[in-house]
Amino acid sequence: MSNTAEPQATGAEGIGRVDDRRPVAVHPELAGTVAVVTGAARGMGAAFTSGLVRRGVDVVAGDIDLDAMTRTAEEIGAESGAVPEGGRRGRVVPAAVDVVDPDGHEALARLAHSEFGRLDHWVNNAGIFPHAFAADITAEQIDAVLKVNVQGVLFGAQTAARHMRPGGAIVNMSSVSAVRVRKGRGAYCASKASVAHLTESLAVEFGDQGIRVNAIAPGYIDTEMTRWVREDPAALQHALDSVPLHRLGSPQEVLGVLLFLLSDSARYVTGHSIAVDGGSRHV
């Protein structure tokens, strides 16, 4: 599952295109560390896992679909590309996890320790993206989105804090939808606003342990979760019109922010949600 791509134009001639170049920053201090990534079988989770492995990070990659996770892990393991200084590529261990189950997170942490002997980073990436207009949201829908998108983040962060040493970093996935309303996504928007505020609470409380907690708030990113945008010309045009840079983002551009937040470059950064949205929250 190679993420290689020819550099894309980003000026006026590149409007509407996706820039899928890999992040330039290497962050050599990440090599030899260990991360857990949830929702890692596809989309941004797979890009995160691949990017970490390329920088020498060992990853326990969890997903509710173990078959898909295993295939993705095999593809990442077969990738070629630059090896970090010191000649080390990371290793991926696939695992099944349902993030609404606290015991599932505990199993991921124990797997990290049994396979690699430590745990340094935790990325709460798993999430769902339901569609229903406010008047039609059912009890089952709101329950599901809050369990996966909010409780899943909380349980993951709790587990990480129990197993990390001072200096550990947790990154949650919020969304530009935490601050912008999208018709038909009321339950999702509410869940991501909760994640953004929960991140601040976790940062304050886990700071006593020397653990940093931040969030990333993507906008329109070109993944399977937003394929509906590409498949609907009107939706795509609306998306491009609402982004000052007039293009969709790529998982690689979100990866660059993740690497920064996990790195020593961000060792005094905690309690923040960093938008990766092409400026769309301002429109």
Protein backbone atom coordinates (compact mmCIF):
# COMPACT_ATOMS: atom_id res chain seq x y z
CA MET A 1 0.00 0.00 0.00
CA SER A 2 2.48 2.51 -1.22
CA ASN A 3 1.80 6.17 -0.51
CA THR A 4 4.29 7.37 -3.10
CA ALA A 5 3.04 9.97 -5.52
CA GLU A 6 4.43 12.50 -7.92
CA PRO A 7 4.54 15.98 -6.37
CA GLN A 8 1.34 17.82 -7.15
CA ALA A 9 1.03 21.48 -7.99
CA THR A 10 -0.25 23.55 -5.10
CA GLY A 11 -0.62 26.95 -6.69
CA ALA A 12 -3.50 28.16 -8.86
CA GLU A 13 -2.73 25.47 -11.42
CA GLY A 14 -3.25 22.81 -8.70
CA ILE A 15 -6.74 23.85 -7.59
CA GLY A 16 -8.90 20.85 -6.83
CA ARG A 17 -5.99 18.39 -6.76
CA VAL A 18 -4.66 16.44 -3.80
CA ASP A 19 -1.06 17.00 -2.70
CA ASP A 20 0.10 13.56 -1.56
CA ARG A 21 3.81 14.25 -1.06
CA ARG A 22 5.33 12.64 2.03
CA PRO A 23 6.25 14.89 4.95
CA VAL A 24 9.77 16.28 4.69
CA ALA A 25 10.50 16.21 8.43
CA VAL A 26 12.13 12.97 9.60
CA HIS A 27 12.13 13.39 13.43
CA PRO A 28 14.95 10.88 13.99
CA GLU A 29 14.22 10.75 17.74
CA LEU A 30 11.07 8.74 16.95
CA ALA A 31 13.10 5.74 15.77
CA GLY A 32 13.00 2.95 18.33
CA THR A 33 9.85 4.18 20.02
CA VAL A 34 6.55 2.27 20.17
CA ALA A 35 3.07 3.40 19.21
CA VAL A 36 -0.50 2.10 19.28
CA VAL A 37 -2.76 3.27 16.45
CA THR A 38 -6.48 2.43 16.37
CA GLY A 39 -8.61 2.34 13.24
CA ALA A 40 -5.40 1.50 11.38
CA ALA A 41 -6.65 -0.79 8.62
CA ARG A 42 -7.41 1.94 6.13
CA GLY A 43 -7.52 5.67 5.48
CA MET A 44 -5.60 7.95 7.78
CA GLY A 45 -4.93 5.17 10.28
CA ALA A 46 -3.08 3.17 7.63
CA ALA A 47 -1.18 6.28 6.51
CA PHE A 48 -0.22 7.02 10.12
CA THR A 49 1.02 3.46 10.63
CA SER A 50 3.02 3.45 7.42
CA GLY A 51 4.55 6.84 8.17
CA LEU A 52 5.58 5.81 11.67
CA VAL A 53 7.11 2.54 10.47
CA ARG A 54 9.14 4.42 7.86
CA ARG A 55 10.61 6.47 10.69
CA GLY A 56 11.64 3.46 12.73
CA VAL A 57 8.62 3.33 15.06
CA ASP A 58 7.22 -0.08 16.05
CA VAL A 59 3.42 -0.05 15.86
CA VAL A 60 0.65 -2.12 17.36
CA ALA A 61 -2.06 -1.45 14.78
CA GLY A 62 -5.61 -2.14 15.90
CA ASP A 63 -8.85 -2.29 13.96
CA ILE A 64 -12.27 -3.88 14.39
CA ASP A 65 -11.69 -5.69 11.06
CA LEU A 66 -8.76 -8.00 11.81
CA ASP A 67 -8.60 -9.42 8.28
CA ALA A 68 -8.28 -5.95 6.76
CA MET A 69 -5.80 -4.96 9.45
CA THR A 70 -3.66 -7.99 8.75
CA ARG A 71 -3.62 -7.25 5.00
CA THR A 72 -2.66 -3.63 5.64
CA ALA A 73 0.13 -4.68 8.02
CA GLU A 74 1.51 -7.05 5.39
CA GLU A 75 1.42 -4.30 2.74
CA ILE A 76 3.17 -1.85 5.04
CA GLY A 77 5.78 -4.47 5.87
CA ALA A 78 6.48 -4.96 2.17
CA GLU A 79 6.85 -1.24 1.43
CA SER A 80 10.16 0.06 0.22
CA GLY A 81 11.46 3.52 0.87
CA ALA A 82 13.82 5.61 2.88
CA VAL A 83 15.08 4.09 6.13
CA PRO A 84 15.74 6.44 9.06
CA GLU A 85 19.28 7.29 10.09
CA GLY A 86 20.61 4.22 11.86
CA GLY A 87 19.06 1.87 9.29
CA ARG A 88 15.97 0.90 11.27
CA ARG A 89 12.45 0.39 9.96
CA GLY A 90 9.69 -0.22 12.41
CA ARG A 91 7.56 -3.34 12.60
CA VAL A 92 3.76 -3.60 12.56
CA VAL A 93 1.82 -6.03 14.74
CA PRO A 94 -1.85 -6.21 13.69
CA ALA A 95 -4.55 -6.70 16.32
CA ALA A 96 -8.32 -6.76 16.59
CA VAL A 97 -9.92 -4.11 18.77
CA ASP A 98 -13.41 -2.77 19.34
CA VAL A 99 -12.70 0.67 20.80
CA VAL A 100 -15.93 0.75 22.78
CA ASP A 101 -14.52 -2.04 24.96
CA PRO A 102 -12.01 -0.82 27.60
CA ASP A 103 -10.52 -4.31 27.80
CA GLY A 104 -9.70 -4.12 24.09
CA HIS A 105 -7.48 -1.10 24.67
CA GLU A 106 -5.81 -2.84 27.58
CA ALA A 107 -5.02 -5.78 25.31
CA LEU A 108 -3.35 -3.42 22.79
CA ALA A 109 -1.17 -1.90 25.51
CA ARG A 110 -0.14 -5.29 26.82
CA LEU A 111 0.66 -6.43 23.29
CA ALA A 112 2.90 -3.39 22.83
CA HIS A 113 4.79 -4.26 26.00
CA SER A 114 5.05 -7.97 25.19
CA GLU A 115 6.23 -7.38 21.61
CA PHE A 116 8.37 -4.29 22.06
CA GLY A 117 8.88 -3.76 25.79
CA ARG A 118 7.52 -0.23 26.01
CA LEU A 119 4.78 2.20 24.99
CA ASP A 120 5.53 5.80 23.98
CA HIS A 121 2.68 7.01 21.75
CA TRP A 122 -1.04 6.35 21.43
CA VAL A 123 -3.13 7.52 18.48
CA ASN A 124 -6.92 7.39 18.98
CA ASN A 125 -7.84 7.35 15.29
CA ALA A 126 -10.83 4.97 15.11
CA GLY A 127 -14.14 6.67 14.38
CA ILE A 128 -17.43 6.49 12.52
CA PHE A 129 -19.08 9.12 10.28
CA PRO A 130 -22.87 8.65 10.37
CA HIS A 131 -25.31 10.67 8.30
CA ALA A 132 -28.76 11.67 9.55
CA PHE A 133 -30.55 14.98 9.71
CA ALA A 134 -31.16 16.25 13.23
CA ALA A 135 -34.86 15.40 13.24
CA ASP A 136 -34.08 11.83 12.19
CA ILE A 137 -31.20 10.90 14.52
CA THR A 138 -32.20 7.76 16.36
CA ALA A 139 -31.24 6.67 19.85
CA GLU A 140 -29.16 3.88 18.33
CA GLN A 141 -27.27 6.29 16.04
CA ILE A 142 -26.35 8.81 18.73
CA ASP A 143 -25.41 6.01 21.10
CA ALA A 144 -23.12 4.40 18.51
CA VAL A 145 -21.31 7.60 17.51
CA LEU A 146 -20.72 8.71 21.09
CA LYS A 147 -19.49 5.26 22.08
CA VAL A 148 -17.00 4.95 19.22
CA ASN A 149 -15.91 8.57 18.74
CA VAL A 150 -15.89 9.76 22.36
CA GLN A 151 -15.81 6.80 24.73
CA GLY A 152 -13.33 5.07 22.42
CA VAL A 153 -10.99 8.06 22.76
CA LEU A 154 -11.44 8.22 26.53
CA PHE A 155 -10.78 4.50 27.04
CA GLY A 156 -7.73 4.63 24.79
CA ALA A 157 -6.29 7.64 26.61
CA GLN A 158 -6.95 6.07 30.01
CA THR A 159 -5.14 2.91 28.96
CA ALA A 160 -2.24 4.82 27.46
CA ALA A 161 -1.77 6.86 30.63
CA ARG A 162 -1.65 3.69 32.73
CA HIS A 163 1.09 2.16 30.60
CA MET A 164 3.21 5.14 29.54
CA ARG A 165 6.21 6.66 31.23
CA PRO A 166 6.68 10.44 31.54
CA GLY A 167 7.31 11.88 28.10
CA GLY A 168 4.55 9.85 26.45
CA ALA A 169 2.21 11.45 23.92
CA ILE A 170 -1.44 10.82 23.10
CA VAL A 171 -3.04 12.18 19.93
CA ASN A 172 -6.81 12.13 19.44
CA MET A 173 -8.66 12.66 16.18
CA SER A 174 -11.11 15.54 16.36
CA SER A 175 -12.38 17.30 13.22
CA VAL A 176 -13.10 20.70 11.76
CA SER A 177 -16.68 19.55 12.35
CA ALA A 178 -16.05 20.29 16.03
CA VAL A 179 -16.40 23.99 15.19
CA ARG A 180 -18.37 23.95 11.91
CA VAL A 181 -21.92 22.70 11.39
CA ARG A 182 -22.58 20.30 8.53
CA LYS A 183 -26.16 19.43 7.66
CA GLY A 184 -26.86 15.76 8.23
CA ARG A 185 -23.83 15.31 10.50
CA GLY A 186 -25.18 16.63 13.79
CA ALA A 187 -24.29 13.52 15.79
CA TYR A 188 -20.81 13.40 14.28
CA CYS A 189 -20.19 17.12 14.89
CA ALA A 190 -21.28 16.76 18.52
CA SER A 191 -18.95 13.80 19.01
CA LYS A 192 -15.94 15.63 17.58
CA ALA A 193 -16.64 18.75 19.64
CA SER A 194 -16.63 16.43 22.65
CA VAL A 195 -13.27 15.00 21.59
CA ALA A 196 -11.76 18.48 21.30
CA HIS A 197 -12.88 19.46 24.81
CA LEU A 198 -12.04 16.04 26.25
CA THR A 199 -8.52 16.46 24.88
CA GLU A 200 -8.10 19.64 26.94
CA SER A 201 -9.32 17.88 30.09
CA LEU A 202 -7.01 14.92 29.55
CA ALA A 203 -4.05 17.22 28.95
CA VAL A 204 -4.64 19.00 32.25
CA GLU A 205 -5.03 15.80 34.26
CA PHE A 206 -2.35 13.66 32.59
CA GLY A 207 0.13 16.52 32.67
CA ASP A 208 0.86 15.53 36.26
CA GLN A 209 2.30 12.29 34.84
CA GLY A 210 4.38 14.08 32.23
CA ILE A 211 2.08 12.87 29.42
CA ARG A 212 1.03 15.22 26.63
CA VAL A 213 -2.42 15.02 25.00
CA ASN A 214 -3.30 16.82 21.78
CA ALA A 215 -5.80 16.45 18.95
CA ILE A 216 -5.75 16.84 15.19
CA ALA A 217 -8.81 18.38 13.52
CA PRO A 218 -8.83 17.42 9.82
CA GLY A 219 -11.07 19.04 7.27
CA TYR A 220 -11.87 17.48 3.89
CA ILE A 221 -9.23 14.75 3.61
CA ASP A 222 -9.19 12.40 0.63
CA THR A 223 -9.86 9.02 2.32
CA GLU A 224 -12.46 6.27 2.09
CA MET A 225 -14.51 8.05 4.76
CA THR A 226 -14.93 11.08 2.46
CA ARG A 227 -15.23 9.18 -0.82
CA TRP A 228 -18.83 10.41 -1.03
CA VAL A 229 -17.46 13.90 -1.65
CA ARG A 230 -15.48 12.76 -4.68
CA GLU A 231 -18.42 10.74 -6.01
CA ASP A 232 -20.89 13.65 -5.82
CA PRO A 233 -19.89 16.54 -8.15
CA ALA A 234 -22.06 19.01 -6.25
CA ALA A 235 -20.61 17.94 -2.90
CA LEU A 236 -17.07 18.14 -4.30
CA GLN A 237 -17.64 21.63 -5.65
CA HIS A 238 -19.13 22.73 -2.32
CA ALA A 239 -16.10 21.29 -0.53
CA LEU A 240 -13.64 23.05 -2.82
CA ASP A 241 -15.55 26.34 -2.51
CA SER A 242 -15.43 26.11 1.30
CA VAL A 243 -11.65 25.54 1.45
CA PRO A 244 -9.47 28.62 0.90
CA LEU A 245 -6.76 26.43 -0.67
CA HIS A 246 -9.43 25.01 -3.05
CA ARG A 247 -8.39 21.38 -2.81
CA LEU A 248 -8.89 18.33 -0.64
CA GLY A 249 -6.20 17.43 1.84
CA SER A 250 -4.28 14.16 1.83
CA PRO A 251 -3.58 11.73 4.67
CA GLN A 252 0.11 12.59 4.24
CA GLU A 253 -0.60 16.17 5.24
CA VAL A 254 -2.32 14.99 8.42
CA LEU A 255 0.59 12.61 9.05
CA GLY A 256 3.00 15.54 9.08
CA VAL A 257 1.13 17.11 12.00
CA LEU A 258 0.92 13.77 13.82
CA LEU A 259 4.69 13.30 13.55
CA PHE A 260 5.24 16.78 14.95
CA LEU A 261 2.92 16.17 17.91
CA LEU A 262 4.62 12.88 18.77
CA SER A 263 8.11 14.31 18.38
CA ASP A 264 10.40 16.18 20.75
CA SER A 265 9.69 19.30 18.69
CA ALA A 266 6.28 19.41 20.45
CA ARG A 267 7.48 18.51 23.94
CA TYR A 268 5.94 21.72 25.37
CA VAL A 269 2.70 21.45 23.38
CA THR A 270 -0.32 19.91 25.11
CA GLY A 271 -4.07 20.46 25.25
CA HIS A 272 -4.42 21.74 21.69
CA SER A 273 -6.44 20.78 18.63
CA ILE A 274 -4.47 21.54 15.47
CA ALA A 275 -6.58 22.06 12.35
CA VAL A 276 -5.46 20.48 9.09
CA ASP A 277 -8.26 21.85 6.97
CA GLY A 278 -6.89 24.17 4.29
CA GLY A 279 -8.39 27.07 6.22
CA SER A 280 -11.98 25.87 5.93
CA ARG A 281 -12.91 26.65 9.54
CA HIS A 282 -12.54 30.36 8.68
CA VAL A 283 -14.95 30.38 5.73
